[in-house]
C-alpha atoms as a PDB file:
ATOM      1  CA  MET A   1       5.377  10.475 -12.658  1.00  0.00           C
ATOM      2  CA  THR A   2       7.769   8.415 -13.938  1.00  0.00           C
ATOM      3  CA  ARG A   3       8.202   4.526 -14.070  1.00  0.00           C
ATOM      4  CA  LEU A   4      10.932   4.702 -11.328  1.00  0.00           C
ATOM      5  CA  ASN A   5       8.896   6.858  -8.912  1.00  0.00           C
ATOM      6  CA  ARG A   6       5.796   4.821  -9.390  1.00  0.00           C
ATOM      7  CA  PHE A   7       7.673   1.518  -8.495  1.00  0.00           C
ATOM      8  CA  LEU A   8       9.224   3.279  -5.627  1.00  0.00           C
ATOM      9  CA  LEU A   9       5.671   4.295  -4.353  1.00  0.00           C
ATOM     10  CA  LEU A  10       4.038   1.291  -4.784  1.00  0.00           C
ATOM     11  CA  SER A  11       6.822  -0.532  -3.160  1.00  0.00           C
ATOM     12  CA  LEU A  12       6.505   1.708  -0.278  1.00  0.00           C
ATOM     13  CA  LEU A  13       2.537   1.134   0.131  1.00  0.00           C
ATOM     14  CA  LEU A  14       3.087  -2.727  -0.079  1.00  0.00           C
ATOM     15  CA  VAL A  15       5.861  -2.569   2.706  1.00  0.00           C
ATOM     16  CA  CYS A  16       3.432  -0.387   5.201  1.00  0.00           C
ATOM     17  CA  ALA A  17       0.774  -2.443   4.456  1.00  0.00           C
ATOM     18  CA  ILE A  18       2.563  -5.401   5.403  1.00  0.00           C
ATOM     19  CA  ALA A  19       4.281  -3.853   8.329  1.00  0.00           C
ATOM     20  CA  CYS A  20       0.722  -2.717   9.493  1.00  0.00           C
ATOM     21  CA  TYR A  21      -0.604  -6.175   9.401  1.00  0.00           C
ATOM     22  CA  VAL A  22       2.232  -7.542  11.328  1.00  0.00           C
ATOM     23  CA  ALA A  23       1.771  -5.178  13.921  1.00  0.00           C
ATOM     24  CA  GLY A  24      -1.726  -5.404  14.246  1.00  0.00           C
ATOM     25  CA  SER A  25      -2.054  -8.888  14.429  1.00  0.00           C
ATOM     26  CA  HIS A  26       0.826  -9.314  16.967  1.00  0.00           C
ATOM     27  CA  THR A  27      -0.825  -6.764  19.277  1.00  0.00           C
ATOM     28  CA  GLY A  28      -4.260  -7.640  18.326  1.00  0.00           C
ATOM     29  CA  ALA A  29      -4.928  -3.648  17.369  1.00  0.00           C
ATOM     30  CA  LEU A  30      -7.581  -3.630  15.016  1.00  0.00           C
ATOM     31  CA  ALA A  31      -6.918   0.015  13.536  1.00  0.00           C
ATOM     32  CA  LEU A  32      -3.366  -1.353  12.492  1.00  0.00           C
ATOM     33  CA  ILE A  33      -5.224  -3.970  10.412  1.00  0.00           C
ATOM     34  CA  LEU A  34      -7.627  -1.682   9.110  1.00  0.00           C
ATOM     35  CA  LEU A  35      -4.802   0.816   8.296  1.00  0.00           C
ATOM     36  CA  GLY A  36      -3.154  -1.999   6.335  1.00  0.00           C
ATOM     37  CA  ALA A  37      -5.963  -2.980   4.515  1.00  0.00           C
ATOM     38  CA  ALA A  38      -6.326   0.688   3.347  1.00  0.00           C
ATOM     39  CA  LEU A  39      -2.623   1.027   2.351  1.00  0.00           C
ATOM     40  CA  GLU A  40      -2.958  -2.519   0.429  1.00  0.00           C
ATOM     41  CA  LEU A  41      -6.228  -1.198  -1.336  1.00  0.00           C
ATOM     42  CA  ALA A  42      -4.290   1.948  -2.169  1.00  0.00           C
ATOM     43  CA  PHE A  43      -1.325  -0.275  -3.388  1.00  0.00           C
ATOM     44  CA  TRP A  44      -3.769  -2.294  -5.956  1.00  0.00           C
ATOM     45  CA  VAL A  45      -5.671   1.060  -7.231  1.00  0.00           C
ATOM     46  CA  GLY A  46      -2.551   2.102  -8.027  1.00  0.00           C
ATOM     47  CA  LEU A  47      -0.903  -0.873  -9.706  1.00  0.00           C
ATOM     48  CA  PHE A  48      -3.811  -1.353 -12.067  1.00  0.00           C
ATOM     49  CA  ARG A  49      -4.156   2.212 -12.951  1.00  0.00           C
ATOM     50  CA  ARG A  50      -4.030   3.124 -16.321  1.00  0.00           C
ATOM     51  CA  PRO A  51      -1.381   6.032 -17.258  1.00  0.00           C
ATOM     52  CA  LYS A  52      -2.842   9.360 -18.300  1.00  0.00           C
ATOM     53  CA  ARG A  53      -1.945  10.349 -22.048  1.00  0.00           C
ATOM     54  CA  SER A  54      -1.149  13.551 -22.991  1.00  0.00           C
END
Protein backbone atom coordinates (compact mmCIF):
# COMPACT_ATOMS: atom_id res chain seq x y z
CA MET A 1 0.00 0.00 0.00
CA THR A 2 1.46 3.34 -0.97
CA ARG A 3 1.87 6.14 1.53
CA LEU A 4 -0.80 8.19 -0.19
CA ASN A 5 -3.36 5.38 -0.08
CA ARG A 6 -2.58 4.73 3.58
CA PHE A 7 -2.92 8.42 4.40
CA LEU A 8 -6.26 8.65 2.58
CA LEU A 9 -7.62 5.53 4.25
CA LEU A 10 -6.60 6.67 7.72
CA SER A 11 -8.04 10.12 7.08
CA LEU A 12 -11.33 8.58 5.98
CA LEU A 13 -11.44 6.40 9.11
CA LEU A 14 -10.86 9.40 11.34
CA VAL A 15 -13.51 11.53 9.61
CA CYS A 16 -16.05 8.69 9.80
CA ALA A 17 -15.29 8.15 13.49
CA ILE A 18 -15.81 11.83 14.26
CA ALA A 19 -19.05 11.86 12.26
CA CYS A 20 -20.34 8.83 14.18
CA TYR A 21 -19.45 10.43 17.52
CA VAL A 22 -21.24 13.66 16.58
CA ALA A 23 -24.35 11.89 15.27
CA GLY A 24 -24.43 9.53 18.24
CA SER A 25 -24.10 12.25 20.84
CA HIS A 26 -26.71 14.39 19.10
CA THR A 27 -29.33 11.62 18.85
CA GLY A 28 -28.27 9.61 21.89
CA ALA A 29 -27.76 6.49 19.78
CA LEU A 30 -25.35 4.19 21.57
CA ALA A 31 -24.76 2.15 18.40
CA LEU A 32 -23.31 5.18 16.59
CA ILE A 33 -21.01 5.97 19.50
CA LEU A 34 -19.79 2.37 19.56
CA LEU A 35 -19.27 2.44 15.79
CA GLY A 36 -17.26 5.64 16.21
CA ALA A 37 -15.11 3.96 18.85
CA ALA A 38 -14.50 0.97 16.57
CA LEU A 39 -13.52 3.26 13.69
CA GLU A 40 -11.20 5.24 15.96
CA LEU A 41 -9.57 2.02 17.14
CA ALA A 42 -9.02 1.00 13.51
CA PHE A 43 -7.44 4.41 12.88
CA TRP A 44 -4.97 4.08 15.75
CA VAL A 45 -4.06 0.51 14.87
CA GLY A 46 -3.48 1.52 11.25
CA LEU A 47 -1.46 4.56 12.28
CA PHE A 48 1.01 2.66 14.43
CA ARG A 49 1.28 -0.55 12.40
CA ARG A 50 4.72 -1.12 10.98
CA PRO A 51 4.87 -1.66 7.23
CA LYS A 52 5.92 -5.11 6.04
CA ARG A 53 9.37 -5.37 4.53
CA SER A 54 9.71 -7.38 1.38
